[in-house]
């Protein structure tokens, strides 16, 4: 979703999301017990949150460093306007080390988060990225340390307080 939908959350939604974030393997029945509401209420809320794409998945969150990809980097790409985004996006999607890519404003066209096993491996990944005819320039920044990990719970909590 790109902000196309404004889903209103209430306190129960937030408590349910917090519980699932803290204990992803918890069942619906245990959620209902801990939240003090009926199992059907929890299931209905959960179905609604999934349908509206507030909750986008229940899969494990993988730490790339734990599986050998200890270098994180951000790459901005300028693309040839003649080729457009689609061929470049397809090219990037075929590279496993490209974790995400976003269209951006400013002097570049795309921002990618990539990982590599080492700085030498990072060069290999960058070479693979820029091998697309649609990419005219790349600029790479290596992340030295993660100061704030990707998070959404503070945002979820603030969405209810803002109402």
N, C-alpha and C. Protein backbone atom coordinates (compact mmCIF):
# COMPACT_ATOMS: atom_id res chain seq x y z
N UNK A 1 0.84 -1.18 0.00
CA UNK A 1 0.00 0.00 0.00
C UNK A 1 0.88 1.24 0.00
N UNK A 2 0.52 2.20 -0.76
CA UNK A 2 1.28 3.43 -0.82
C UNK A 2 0.50 4.58 -0.24
N UNK A 3 -0.09 4.36 0.94
CA UNK A 3 -0.85 5.42 1.58
C UNK A 3 -2.20 5.66 0.94
N UNK A 4 -2.67 4.71 0.13
CA UNK A 4 -3.92 4.88 -0.58
C UNK A 4 -5.13 4.68 0.32
N UNK A 5 -4.91 4.07 1.47
CA UNK A 5 -6.01 3.72 2.36
C UNK A 5 -5.68 4.23 3.76
N UNK A 6 -6.65 4.81 4.41
CA UNK A 6 -6.45 5.30 5.77
C UNK A 6 -7.28 4.44 6.71
N UNK A 7 -6.64 3.42 7.28
CA UNK A 7 -7.32 2.49 8.18
C UNK A 7 -7.26 3.06 9.59
N UNK A 8 -8.41 3.16 10.23
CA UNK A 8 -8.47 3.63 11.61
C UNK A 8 -8.25 2.45 12.54
N UNK A 9 -7.31 2.60 13.45
CA UNK A 9 -7.04 1.57 14.45
C UNK A 9 -7.61 2.02 15.78
N UNK A 10 -8.04 1.04 16.58
CA UNK A 10 -8.46 1.38 17.94
C UNK A 10 -7.52 0.68 18.92
N UNK A 11 -7.78 0.88 20.19
CA UNK A 11 -6.89 0.36 21.23
C UNK A 11 -6.78 -1.17 21.18
N UNK A 12 -7.88 -1.87 20.87
CA UNK A 12 -7.82 -3.33 20.79
C UNK A 12 -6.95 -3.76 19.62
N UNK A 13 -7.06 -3.08 18.48
CA UNK A 13 -6.20 -3.39 17.34
C UNK A 13 -4.73 -3.26 17.73
N UNK A 14 -4.40 -2.18 18.43
CA UNK A 14 -3.02 -1.94 18.83
C UNK A 14 -2.54 -3.01 19.80
N UNK A 15 -3.37 -3.36 20.77
CA UNK A 15 -2.99 -4.40 21.74
C UNK A 15 -2.78 -5.74 21.03
N UNK A 16 -3.63 -6.05 20.05
CA UNK A 16 -3.49 -7.29 19.28
C UNK A 16 -2.19 -7.27 18.47
N UNK A 17 -1.91 -6.17 17.80
CA UNK A 17 -0.68 -6.05 17.01
C UNK A 17 0.54 -6.16 17.91
N UNK A 18 0.51 -5.50 19.06
CA UNK A 18 1.65 -5.58 20.00
C UNK A 18 1.87 -7.01 20.46
N UNK A 19 0.80 -7.70 20.78
CA UNK A 19 0.91 -9.08 21.25
C UNK A 19 1.50 -9.97 20.16
N UNK A 20 1.03 -9.81 18.94
CA UNK A 20 1.55 -10.62 17.83
C UNK A 20 3.01 -10.28 17.52
N UNK A 21 3.38 -9.01 17.70
CA UNK A 21 4.76 -8.61 17.47
C UNK A 21 5.68 -9.20 18.54
N UNK A 22 5.22 -9.23 19.78
CA UNK A 22 6.01 -9.77 20.89
C UNK A 22 6.11 -11.29 20.83
N UNK A 23 5.02 -11.92 20.41
CA UNK A 23 4.97 -13.39 20.37
C UNK A 23 4.33 -13.84 19.07
N UNK A 24 5.09 -13.85 17.97
CA UNK A 24 4.53 -14.16 16.66
C UNK A 24 3.91 -15.55 16.53
N UNK A 25 4.29 -16.47 17.39
CA UNK A 25 3.78 -17.84 17.29
C UNK A 25 2.54 -18.07 18.15
N UNK A 26 2.03 -17.04 18.78
CA UNK A 26 0.87 -17.17 19.66
C UNK A 26 -0.38 -17.49 18.82
N UNK A 27 -1.26 -18.31 19.36
CA UNK A 27 -2.49 -18.65 18.66
C UNK A 27 -3.61 -17.67 18.96
N UNK A 28 -4.65 -17.75 18.17
CA UNK A 28 -5.80 -16.86 18.32
C UNK A 28 -6.47 -17.07 19.67
N UNK A 29 -6.59 -18.31 20.11
CA UNK A 29 -7.24 -18.59 21.39
C UNK A 29 -6.45 -17.95 22.55
N UNK A 30 -5.14 -18.08 22.53
CA UNK A 30 -4.32 -17.48 23.58
C UNK A 30 -4.37 -15.95 23.50
N UNK A 31 -4.42 -15.40 22.30
CA UNK A 31 -4.59 -13.95 22.14
C UNK A 31 -5.88 -13.50 22.81
N UNK A 32 -6.95 -14.22 22.56
CA UNK A 32 -8.24 -13.84 23.12
C UNK A 32 -8.21 -13.89 24.64
N UNK A 33 -7.55 -14.91 25.18
CA UNK A 33 -7.44 -15.03 26.64
C UNK A 33 -6.67 -13.84 27.22
N UNK A 34 -5.54 -13.51 26.61
CA UNK A 34 -4.71 -12.43 27.14
C UNK A 34 -5.33 -11.05 26.95
N UNK A 35 -6.08 -10.90 25.88
CA UNK A 35 -6.71 -9.60 25.61
C UNK A 35 -8.05 -9.46 26.32
N UNK A 36 -8.59 -10.58 26.83
CA UNK A 36 -9.86 -10.54 27.54
C UNK A 36 -11.06 -10.32 26.65
N UNK A 37 -10.97 -10.84 25.42
CA UNK A 37 -12.09 -10.73 24.48
C UNK A 37 -12.35 -12.11 23.88
N UNK A 38 -13.49 -12.25 23.22
CA UNK A 38 -13.86 -13.53 22.62
C UNK A 38 -12.92 -13.90 21.48
N UNK A 39 -12.76 -15.22 21.30
CA UNK A 39 -11.91 -15.73 20.22
C UNK A 39 -12.39 -15.19 18.87
N UNK A 40 -13.69 -15.17 18.66
CA UNK A 40 -14.26 -14.67 17.40
C UNK A 40 -13.92 -13.20 17.16
N UNK A 41 -13.86 -12.42 18.24
CA UNK A 41 -13.49 -11.01 18.11
C UNK A 41 -12.05 -10.88 17.63
N UNK A 42 -11.16 -11.66 18.24
CA UNK A 42 -9.74 -11.63 17.83
C UNK A 42 -9.61 -12.06 16.38
N UNK A 43 -10.29 -13.14 16.00
CA UNK A 43 -10.20 -13.63 14.63
C UNK A 43 -10.74 -12.60 13.65
N UNK A 44 -11.86 -11.97 13.99
CA UNK A 44 -12.44 -10.96 13.10
C UNK A 44 -11.50 -9.75 12.95
N UNK A 45 -10.92 -9.31 14.06
CA UNK A 45 -9.98 -8.18 14.03
C UNK A 45 -8.76 -8.54 13.19
N UNK A 46 -8.25 -9.73 13.42
CA UNK A 46 -7.07 -10.19 12.68
C UNK A 46 -7.36 -10.27 11.19
N UNK A 47 -8.50 -10.83 10.83
CA UNK A 47 -8.90 -10.92 9.42
C UNK A 47 -9.01 -9.53 8.80
N UNK A 48 -9.59 -8.59 9.54
CA UNK A 48 -9.75 -7.22 9.06
C UNK A 48 -8.40 -6.56 8.84
N UNK A 49 -7.49 -6.74 9.80
CA UNK A 49 -6.17 -6.13 9.70
C UNK A 49 -5.37 -6.70 8.53
N UNK A 50 -5.53 -7.99 8.28
CA UNK A 50 -4.85 -8.62 7.15
C UNK A 50 -5.49 -8.16 5.83
N UNK A 51 -6.82 -8.16 5.78
CA UNK A 51 -7.53 -7.75 4.56
C UNK A 51 -7.18 -6.32 4.17
N UNK A 52 -7.06 -5.45 5.15
CA UNK A 52 -6.74 -4.03 4.89
C UNK A 52 -5.25 -3.78 4.78
N UNK A 53 -4.46 -4.85 4.86
CA UNK A 53 -3.01 -4.81 4.71
C UNK A 53 -2.29 -4.00 5.78
N UNK A 54 -2.93 -3.88 6.94
CA UNK A 54 -2.24 -3.30 8.09
C UNK A 54 -1.19 -4.32 8.53
N UNK A 55 -1.58 -5.59 8.60
CA UNK A 55 -0.66 -6.69 8.85
C UNK A 55 -0.41 -7.34 7.50
N UNK A 56 0.86 -7.36 7.11
CA UNK A 56 1.21 -7.87 5.78
C UNK A 56 1.81 -9.25 5.77
N UNK A 57 2.07 -9.81 6.93
CA UNK A 57 2.64 -11.15 6.92
C UNK A 57 2.87 -11.68 8.31
N UNK A 58 3.05 -12.99 8.37
CA UNK A 58 3.30 -13.68 9.63
C UNK A 58 4.56 -14.52 9.56
N UNK A 59 5.35 -14.30 8.54
CA UNK A 59 6.57 -15.08 8.34
C UNK A 59 7.67 -14.65 9.27
N UNK A 60 8.71 -15.44 9.33
CA UNK A 60 9.85 -15.08 10.19
C UNK A 60 10.59 -13.88 9.62
N UNK A 61 11.13 -13.06 10.51
CA UNK A 61 11.98 -11.95 10.10
C UNK A 61 13.41 -12.48 10.11
N UNK A 62 14.06 -12.43 8.97
CA UNK A 62 15.39 -12.99 8.82
C UNK A 62 16.44 -11.90 9.04
N UNK A 63 17.47 -12.19 9.80
CA UNK A 63 18.59 -11.28 10.01
C UNK A 63 19.67 -11.65 9.00
N UNK A 64 19.86 -10.84 7.95
CA UNK A 64 20.85 -11.19 6.93
C UNK A 64 22.24 -11.48 7.50
N UNK A 65 22.67 -10.73 8.50
CA UNK A 65 24.00 -10.94 9.08
C UNK A 65 24.13 -12.34 9.68
N UNK A 66 23.03 -12.88 10.22
CA UNK A 66 23.07 -14.20 10.85
C UNK A 66 23.27 -15.32 9.82
N UNK A 67 22.97 -15.03 8.56
CA UNK A 67 23.17 -16.05 7.52
C UNK A 67 24.34 -15.68 6.60
N UNK A 68 25.22 -14.81 7.11
CA UNK A 68 26.46 -14.53 6.39
C UNK A 68 26.51 -13.25 5.60
N UNK A 69 25.45 -12.46 5.60
CA UNK A 69 25.42 -11.21 4.84
C UNK A 69 25.56 -10.03 5.80
N UNK A 70 26.80 -9.81 6.26
CA UNK A 70 27.07 -8.82 7.30
C UNK A 70 27.24 -7.39 6.84
N UNK A 71 27.29 -7.16 5.55
CA UNK A 71 27.45 -5.80 5.02
C UNK A 71 26.10 -5.33 4.49
N UNK A 72 25.62 -4.22 5.03
CA UNK A 72 24.39 -3.58 4.53
C UNK A 72 24.78 -2.30 3.84
N UNK A 73 24.15 -2.04 2.72
CA UNK A 73 24.47 -0.86 1.94
C UNK A 73 23.19 -0.28 1.33
N UNK A 74 23.24 1.01 1.09
CA UNK A 74 22.15 1.69 0.40
C UNK A 74 22.70 2.22 -0.91
N UNK A 75 21.99 1.97 -1.99
CA UNK A 75 22.44 2.37 -3.31
C UNK A 75 21.36 3.23 -3.96
N UNK A 76 21.77 4.41 -4.43
CA UNK A 76 20.85 5.21 -5.23
C UNK A 76 21.19 4.97 -6.69
N UNK A 77 20.16 4.87 -7.49
CA UNK A 77 20.34 4.60 -8.92
C UNK A 77 19.68 5.68 -9.75
N UNK A 78 20.37 6.11 -10.78
CA UNK A 78 19.78 6.96 -11.80
C UNK A 78 19.50 6.05 -12.98
N UNK A 79 18.30 6.16 -13.52
CA UNK A 79 17.95 5.28 -14.63
C UNK A 79 17.71 6.08 -15.89
N UNK A 80 17.92 5.42 -17.00
CA UNK A 80 17.67 6.03 -18.30
C UNK A 80 16.16 6.20 -18.48
N UNK A 81 15.74 7.41 -18.72
CA UNK A 81 14.31 7.66 -18.89
C UNK A 81 13.77 6.92 -20.12
N UNK A 82 14.64 6.64 -21.06
CA UNK A 82 14.24 5.91 -22.26
C UNK A 82 13.82 4.49 -21.92
N UNK A 83 14.49 3.88 -20.94
CA UNK A 83 14.17 2.50 -20.56
C UNK A 83 13.05 2.43 -19.53
N UNK A 84 12.95 3.41 -18.65
CA UNK A 84 11.91 3.42 -17.63
C UNK A 84 12.23 2.51 -16.45
N UNK A 85 11.32 2.51 -15.47
CA UNK A 85 11.51 1.77 -14.23
C UNK A 85 11.32 0.25 -14.37
N UNK A 86 10.39 -0.17 -15.19
CA UNK A 86 10.02 -1.59 -15.22
C UNK A 86 11.17 -2.55 -15.53
N UNK A 87 11.96 -2.31 -16.59
CA UNK A 87 13.06 -3.25 -16.85
C UNK A 87 14.11 -3.23 -15.74
N UNK A 88 14.38 -2.05 -15.17
CA UNK A 88 15.35 -1.95 -14.09
C UNK A 88 14.83 -2.68 -12.86
N UNK A 89 13.56 -2.51 -12.54
CA UNK A 89 12.95 -3.19 -11.39
C UNK A 89 13.01 -4.70 -11.57
N UNK A 90 12.72 -5.18 -12.77
CA UNK A 90 12.80 -6.63 -13.04
C UNK A 90 14.23 -7.13 -12.86
N UNK A 91 15.19 -6.35 -13.32
CA UNK A 91 16.61 -6.70 -13.17
C UNK A 91 16.98 -6.78 -11.68
N UNK A 92 16.58 -5.77 -10.91
CA UNK A 92 16.90 -5.75 -9.48
C UNK A 92 16.23 -6.89 -8.73
N UNK A 93 15.00 -7.21 -9.11
CA UNK A 93 14.25 -8.28 -8.43
C UNK A 93 14.93 -9.64 -8.60
N UNK A 94 15.73 -9.79 -9.64
CA UNK A 94 16.42 -11.05 -9.89
C UNK A 94 17.71 -11.19 -9.09
N UNK A 95 18.10 -10.14 -8.36
CA UNK A 95 19.33 -10.17 -7.57
C UNK A 95 18.96 -10.41 -6.11
N UNK A 96 19.30 -11.57 -5.55
CA UNK A 96 18.86 -11.90 -4.19
C UNK A 96 19.32 -10.91 -3.12
N UNK A 97 20.45 -10.28 -3.32
CA UNK A 97 21.00 -9.37 -2.32
C UNK A 97 20.27 -8.02 -2.29
N UNK A 98 19.43 -7.75 -3.26
CA UNK A 98 18.61 -6.52 -3.24
C UNK A 98 17.40 -6.81 -2.37
N UNK A 99 17.38 -6.23 -1.18
CA UNK A 99 16.30 -6.52 -0.23
C UNK A 99 15.06 -5.70 -0.50
N UNK A 100 15.25 -4.47 -0.96
CA UNK A 100 14.11 -3.61 -1.29
C UNK A 100 14.57 -2.51 -2.22
N UNK A 101 13.63 -1.95 -2.94
CA UNK A 101 13.90 -0.84 -3.85
C UNK A 101 12.69 0.08 -3.85
N UNK A 102 12.97 1.39 -3.82
CA UNK A 102 11.91 2.40 -3.76
C UNK A 102 12.16 3.47 -4.81
N UNK A 103 11.11 3.89 -5.49
CA UNK A 103 11.20 5.07 -6.35
C UNK A 103 11.30 6.27 -5.43
N UNK A 104 12.22 7.19 -5.75
CA UNK A 104 12.45 8.35 -4.89
C UNK A 104 12.43 9.64 -5.68
N UNK A 105 12.36 10.75 -4.96
CA UNK A 105 12.48 12.06 -5.57
C UNK A 105 13.93 12.52 -5.43
N UNK A 106 14.27 13.58 -6.12
CA UNK A 106 15.63 14.12 -6.03
C UNK A 106 16.44 13.78 -7.26
N UNK A 107 17.75 13.80 -7.10
CA UNK A 107 18.63 13.61 -8.24
C UNK A 107 18.71 12.15 -8.71
N UNK A 108 18.31 11.21 -7.88
CA UNK A 108 18.30 9.80 -8.26
C UNK A 108 16.85 9.33 -8.44
N UNK A 109 16.73 8.14 -9.00
CA UNK A 109 15.40 7.60 -9.30
C UNK A 109 14.97 6.46 -8.38
N UNK A 110 15.93 5.67 -7.92
CA UNK A 110 15.63 4.52 -7.07
C UNK A 110 16.59 4.48 -5.89
N UNK A 111 16.10 4.02 -4.76
CA UNK A 111 16.92 3.77 -3.58
C UNK A 111 16.77 2.30 -3.24
N UNK A 112 17.89 1.60 -3.13
CA UNK A 112 17.87 0.17 -2.84
C UNK A 112 18.62 -0.11 -1.54
N UNK A 113 18.11 -1.04 -0.78
CA UNK A 113 18.86 -1.57 0.37
C UNK A 113 19.37 -2.92 -0.07
N UNK A 114 20.69 -3.10 0.02
CA UNK A 114 21.29 -4.35 -0.41
C UNK A 114 22.18 -4.90 0.70
N UNK A 115 22.48 -6.17 0.61
CA UNK A 115 23.38 -6.81 1.56
C UNK A 115 24.44 -7.58 0.78
N UNK A 116 25.57 -7.84 1.47
CA UNK A 116 26.65 -8.63 0.87
C UNK A 116 27.40 -9.35 1.99
N UNK A 117 28.20 -10.30 1.62
CA UNK A 117 28.96 -11.09 2.59
C UNK A 117 30.20 -10.33 3.09
N UNK A 118 30.73 -9.44 2.26
CA UNK A 118 31.94 -8.68 2.59
C UNK A 118 31.99 -7.46 1.66
N UNK A 119 32.96 -6.60 1.86
CA UNK A 119 33.11 -5.46 0.96
C UNK A 119 33.46 -5.93 -0.45
N UNK A 120 34.26 -6.98 -0.55
CA UNK A 120 34.57 -7.54 -1.87
C UNK A 120 33.31 -8.07 -2.53
N UNK A 121 32.50 -8.76 -1.76
CA UNK A 121 31.24 -9.28 -2.29
C UNK A 121 30.30 -8.14 -2.66
N UNK A 122 30.35 -7.05 -1.89
CA UNK A 122 29.54 -5.88 -2.20
C UNK A 122 29.87 -5.36 -3.60
N UNK A 123 31.15 -5.35 -3.94
CA UNK A 123 31.53 -4.91 -5.29
C UNK A 123 30.90 -5.80 -6.35
N UNK A 124 30.87 -7.11 -6.09
CA UNK A 124 30.22 -8.04 -7.03
C UNK A 124 28.74 -7.71 -7.19
N UNK A 125 28.07 -7.45 -6.06
CA UNK A 125 26.63 -7.14 -6.10
C UNK A 125 26.40 -5.83 -6.86
N UNK A 126 27.20 -4.82 -6.58
CA UNK A 126 27.05 -3.54 -7.28
C UNK A 126 27.29 -3.71 -8.78
N UNK A 127 28.32 -4.48 -9.14
CA UNK A 127 28.58 -4.75 -10.56
C UNK A 127 27.38 -5.43 -11.21
N UNK A 128 26.77 -6.33 -10.49
CA UNK A 128 25.58 -7.01 -11.02
C UNK A 128 24.43 -6.02 -11.17
N UNK A 129 24.26 -5.14 -10.21
CA UNK A 129 23.19 -4.14 -10.28
C UNK A 129 23.39 -3.22 -11.48
N UNK A 130 24.59 -2.68 -11.65
CA UNK A 130 24.82 -1.69 -12.72
C UNK A 130 24.98 -2.32 -14.10
N UNK A 131 24.89 -3.64 -14.19
CA UNK A 131 24.99 -4.29 -15.49
C UNK A 131 23.74 -4.07 -16.35
N UNK A 132 22.70 -3.54 -15.77
CA UNK A 132 21.48 -3.24 -16.53
C UNK A 132 21.70 -2.02 -17.41
N UNK A 133 21.30 -2.13 -18.66
CA UNK A 133 21.44 -1.00 -19.60
C UNK A 133 20.60 0.19 -19.16
N UNK A 134 19.60 -0.04 -18.36
CA UNK A 134 18.72 1.04 -17.92
C UNK A 134 19.28 1.87 -16.79
N UNK A 135 20.38 1.44 -16.18
CA UNK A 135 20.98 2.18 -15.07
C UNK A 135 22.15 3.00 -15.59
N UNK A 136 22.08 4.31 -15.37
CA UNK A 136 23.13 5.19 -15.88
C UNK A 136 24.15 5.58 -14.81
N UNK A 137 23.76 5.52 -13.54
CA UNK A 137 24.69 5.89 -12.46
C UNK A 137 24.23 5.26 -11.16
N UNK A 138 25.19 4.88 -10.33
CA UNK A 138 24.90 4.33 -9.01
C UNK A 138 25.80 5.02 -7.99
N UNK A 139 25.26 5.24 -6.80
CA UNK A 139 26.03 5.78 -5.69
C UNK A 139 25.74 4.90 -4.48
N UNK A 140 26.80 4.45 -3.82
CA UNK A 140 26.67 3.48 -2.74
C UNK A 140 27.11 4.06 -1.41
N UNK A 141 26.36 3.77 -0.38
CA UNK A 141 26.70 4.14 0.99
C UNK A 141 26.68 2.87 1.82
N UNK A 142 27.77 2.59 2.52
CA UNK A 142 27.84 1.40 3.37
C UNK A 142 27.39 1.78 4.78
N UNK A 143 26.46 1.00 5.31
CA UNK A 143 25.99 1.22 6.68
C UNK A 143 27.02 0.65 7.65
N UNK A 144 27.46 1.46 8.60
CA UNK A 144 28.44 1.00 9.58
C UNK A 144 27.77 0.28 10.75
N UNK A 145 26.64 0.80 11.20
CA UNK A 145 25.92 0.19 12.33
C UNK A 145 24.45 0.59 12.24
N UNK A 146 23.59 -0.31 12.66
CA UNK A 146 22.16 -0.02 12.70
C UNK A 146 21.84 0.66 14.02
N UNK A 147 21.39 1.89 13.96
CA UNK A 147 21.08 2.63 15.17
C UNK A 147 19.63 2.41 15.61
N UNK A 148 18.72 2.38 14.67
CA UNK A 148 17.31 2.11 14.96
C UNK A 148 16.87 1.05 13.95
N UNK A 149 16.54 -0.15 14.41
CA UNK A 149 16.08 -1.17 13.47
C UNK A 149 14.71 -0.81 12.91
N UNK A 150 14.40 -1.43 11.77
CA UNK A 150 13.08 -1.22 11.18
C UNK A 150 12.03 -1.51 12.23
N UNK A 151 11.10 -0.60 12.40
CA UNK A 151 10.09 -0.76 13.45
C UNK A 151 8.80 -0.09 13.01
N UNK A 152 7.71 -0.62 13.49
CA UNK A 152 6.41 -0.02 13.18
C UNK A 152 5.53 0.13 14.42
N UNK A 153 5.86 -0.56 15.51
CA UNK A 153 5.00 -0.48 16.71
C UNK A 153 4.84 0.95 17.24
N UNK A 154 5.90 1.77 17.31
CA UNK A 154 5.68 3.16 17.76
C UNK A 154 4.70 3.91 16.86
N UNK A 155 4.76 3.62 15.57
CA UNK A 155 3.86 4.25 14.62
C UNK A 155 2.41 3.80 14.84
N UNK A 156 2.24 2.50 15.08
CA UNK A 156 0.90 1.96 15.35
C UNK A 156 0.33 2.60 16.61
N UNK A 157 1.15 2.69 17.65
CA UNK A 157 0.68 3.31 18.91
C UNK A 157 0.32 4.77 18.70
N UNK A 158 1.11 5.50 17.93
CA UNK A 158 0.83 6.92 17.72
C UNK A 158 -0.41 7.14 16.86
N UNK A 159 -0.72 6.17 16.00
CA UNK A 159 -1.91 6.31 15.14
C UNK A 159 -3.17 6.34 15.97
N UNK A 160 -3.21 5.59 17.07
CA UNK A 160 -4.39 5.58 17.94
C UNK A 160 -4.43 6.84 18.78
N UNK A 161 -3.27 7.27 19.28
CA UNK A 161 -3.22 8.49 20.09
C UNK A 161 -3.62 9.72 19.28
N UNK A 162 -3.38 9.69 17.97
CA UNK A 162 -3.67 10.85 17.13
C UNK A 162 -5.17 11.02 16.87
N UNK A 163 -5.95 9.99 17.16
CA UNK A 163 -7.40 10.08 16.89
C UNK A 163 -8.12 10.97 17.86
